[in-house]
Amino acid sequence: FVLAGCHSLVYFEGETTGDPLESAALKSMRWQLSSESGNAEPSPASEKKPAGKPITISSDSNIAGIEVLTRHHFSSKLQRMSCVV
């Protein structure tokens, strides 16, 4: 999932901040970060674009929100960053 890679994005002072590439991926899928919880969720419909769709895992299972549970920040010694989603 591209969305699982969008772990550096945070909702801060009324806007989504973080890696511009991750922000563009989230917007292209018509998902957004919730202003209330900071979780990723489908965007509502606008005049020009339809609403974002939940992620379909199987015919009877849809994911309508993703929460970052733990964020392990970049370690320059290890040259990596990870998160638990």
C-alpha atoms as a PDB file:
ATOM      1  CA  PHE A   1       0.000   0.000   0.000  1.00  0.00           C
ATOM      2  CA  VAL A   2       1.201   3.474  -0.825  1.00  0.00           C
ATOM      3  CA  LEU A   3      -0.723   4.714   2.170  1.00  0.00           C
ATOM      4  CA  ALA A   4       1.387   2.618   4.524  1.00  0.00           C
ATOM      5  CA  GLY A   5       4.369   4.576   3.270  1.00  0.00           C
ATOM      6  CA  CYS A   6       2.788   7.912   4.227  1.00  0.00           C
ATOM      7  CA  HIS A   7       3.935   7.684   7.793  1.00  0.00           C
ATOM      8  CA  SER A   8       5.807  10.987   8.049  1.00  0.00           C
ATOM      9  CA  LEU A   9       2.691  13.108   7.469  1.00  0.00           C
ATOM     10  CA  VAL A  10       1.106  14.899  10.425  1.00  0.00           C
ATOM     11  CA  TYR A  11      -1.802  17.303  10.768  1.00  0.00           C
ATOM     12  CA  PHE A  12      -0.460  20.468  12.418  1.00  0.00           C
ATOM     13  CA  GLU A  13      -2.042  23.913  12.801  1.00  0.00           C
ATOM     14  CA  GLY A  14      -4.774  23.285  10.253  1.00  0.00           C
ATOM     15  CA  GLU A  15      -2.707  21.680   7.482  1.00  0.00           C
ATOM     16  CA  THR A  16      -0.970  18.453   6.533  1.00  0.00           C
ATOM     17  CA  THR A  17       2.802  18.699   6.819  1.00  0.00           C
ATOM     18  CA  GLY A  18       5.582  16.261   6.015  1.00  0.00           C
ATOM     19  CA  ASP A  19       7.190  14.735   2.943  1.00  0.00           C
ATOM     20  CA  PRO A  20       5.742  16.400  -0.215  1.00  0.00           C
ATOM     21  CA  LEU A  21       5.888  13.119  -2.153  1.00  0.00           C
ATOM     22  CA  GLU A  22       3.858  11.318   0.533  1.00  0.00           C
ATOM     23  CA  SER A  23       1.384  14.200   0.644  1.00  0.00           C
ATOM     24  CA  ALA A  24       0.940  14.024  -3.155  1.00  0.00           C
ATOM     25  CA  ALA A  25       0.371  10.241  -2.975  1.00  0.00           C
ATOM     26  CA  LEU A  26      -2.303  10.705  -0.309  1.00  0.00           C
ATOM     27  CA  LYS A  27      -4.058  13.452  -2.307  1.00  0.00           C
ATOM     28  CA  SER A  28      -3.957  11.463  -5.558  1.00  0.00           C
ATOM     29  CA  MET A  29      -5.798   8.600  -3.829  1.00  0.00           C
ATOM     30  CA  ARG A  30      -8.327  11.169  -2.555  1.00  0.00           C
ATOM     31  CA  TRP A  31      -7.481  10.482   1.075  1.00  0.00           C
ATOM     32  CA  GLN A  32      -6.638  13.041   3.762  1.00  0.00           C
ATOM     33  CA  LEU A  33      -5.467  13.319   7.347  1.00  0.00           C
ATOM     34  CA  SER A  34      -8.340  13.918   9.761  1.00  0.00           C
ATOM     35  CA  SER A  35      -8.187  17.277  11.550  1.00  0.00           C
ATOM     36  CA  GLU A  36      -9.637  15.634  14.667  1.00  0.00           C
ATOM     37  CA  SER A  37      -7.650  12.409  15.008  1.00  0.00           C
ATOM     38  CA  GLY A  38      -4.750  12.817  12.571  1.00  0.00           C
ATOM     39  CA  ASN A  39      -5.626   9.444  11.026  1.00  0.00           C
ATOM     40  CA  ALA A  40      -5.724   8.882   7.267  1.00  0.00           C
ATOM     41  CA  GLU A  41      -9.248   8.571   5.879  1.00  0.00           C
ATOM     42  CA  PRO A  42     -11.053   8.957   2.528  1.00  0.00           C
ATOM     43  CA  SER A  43     -11.655  12.579   1.505  1.00  0.00           C
ATOM     44  CA  PRO A  44     -15.250  13.787   1.143  1.00  0.00           C
ATOM     45  CA  ALA A  45     -16.605  14.626  -2.312  1.00  0.00           C
ATOM     46  CA  SER A  46     -16.110  18.131  -3.680  1.00  0.00           C
ATOM     47  CA  GLU A  47     -17.652  19.964  -6.633  1.00  0.00           C
ATOM     48  CA  LYS A  48     -14.862  18.767  -8.935  1.00  0.00           C
ATOM     49  CA  LYS A  49     -13.838  15.390  -7.481  1.00  0.00           C
ATOM     50  CA  PRO A  50     -15.692  12.360  -6.120  1.00  0.00           C
ATOM     51  CA  ALA A  51     -15.113  11.156  -2.578  1.00  0.00           C
ATOM     52  CA  GLY A  52     -12.144   8.921  -1.769  1.00  0.00           C
ATOM     53  CA  LYS A  53     -12.900   5.207  -1.556  1.00  0.00           C
ATOM     54  CA  PRO A  54     -12.106   2.786   1.275  1.00  0.00           C
ATOM     55  CA  ILE A  55      -9.343   0.270   0.573  1.00  0.00           C
ATOM     56  CA  THR A  56     -10.831  -3.121  -0.352  1.00  0.00           C
ATOM     57  CA  ILE A  57      -8.949  -6.071   1.148  1.00  0.00           C
ATOM     58  CA  SER A  58     -11.458  -8.750   0.204  1.00  0.00           C
ATOM     59  CA  SER A  59     -15.013  -8.767  -1.103  1.00  0.00           C
ATOM     60  CA  ASP A  60     -16.420  -8.327   2.422  1.00  0.00           C
ATOM     61  CA  SER A  61     -13.670  -6.233   4.063  1.00  0.00           C
ATOM     62  CA  ASN A  62     -13.011  -2.516   3.542  1.00  0.00           C
ATOM     63  CA  ILE A  63     -10.601  -0.233   5.391  1.00  0.00           C
ATOM     64  CA  ALA A  64     -11.958   3.287   5.858  1.00  0.00           C
ATOM     65  CA  GLY A  65      -9.216   4.640   8.101  1.00  0.00           C
ATOM     66  CA  ILE A  66      -5.578   4.082   9.000  1.00  0.00           C
ATOM     67  CA  GLU A  67      -3.950   5.078  12.269  1.00  0.00           C
ATOM     68  CA  VAL A  68      -0.221   5.408  12.912  1.00  0.00           C
ATOM     69  CA  LEU A  69       0.273   3.676  16.265  1.00  0.00           C
ATOM     70  CA  THR A  70       3.995   4.308  16.733  1.00  0.00           C
ATOM     71  CA  ARG A  71       6.433   6.469  14.814  1.00  0.00           C
ATOM     72  CA  HIS A  72      10.144   5.694  15.087  1.00  0.00           C
ATOM     73  CA  HIS A  73      11.947   8.759  13.795  1.00  0.00           C
ATOM     74  CA  PHE A  74      14.862   8.729  11.376  1.00  0.00           C
ATOM     75  CA  SER A  75      18.089   7.340  12.775  1.00  0.00           C
ATOM     76  CA  SER A  76      21.122   8.775  10.987  1.00  0.00           C
ATOM     77  CA  LYS A  77      23.276   5.936  12.334  1.00  0.00           C
ATOM     78  CA  LEU A  78      21.001   3.254  10.865  1.00  0.00           C
ATOM     79  CA  GLN A  79      19.904   5.367   7.858  1.00  0.00           C
ATOM     80  CA  ARG A  80      16.248   4.383   8.246  1.00  0.00           C
ATOM     81  CA  MET A  81      12.872   5.280   9.711  1.00  0.00           C
ATOM     82  CA  SER A  82       9.917   3.035  10.480  1.00  0.00           C
ATOM     83  CA  CYS A  83       6.402   3.064  11.884  1.00  0.00           C
ATOM     84  CA  VAL A  84       3.699   0.699  13.078  1.00  0.00           C
ATOM     85  CA  VAL A  85       0.386   1.213  11.230  1.00  0.00           C
END
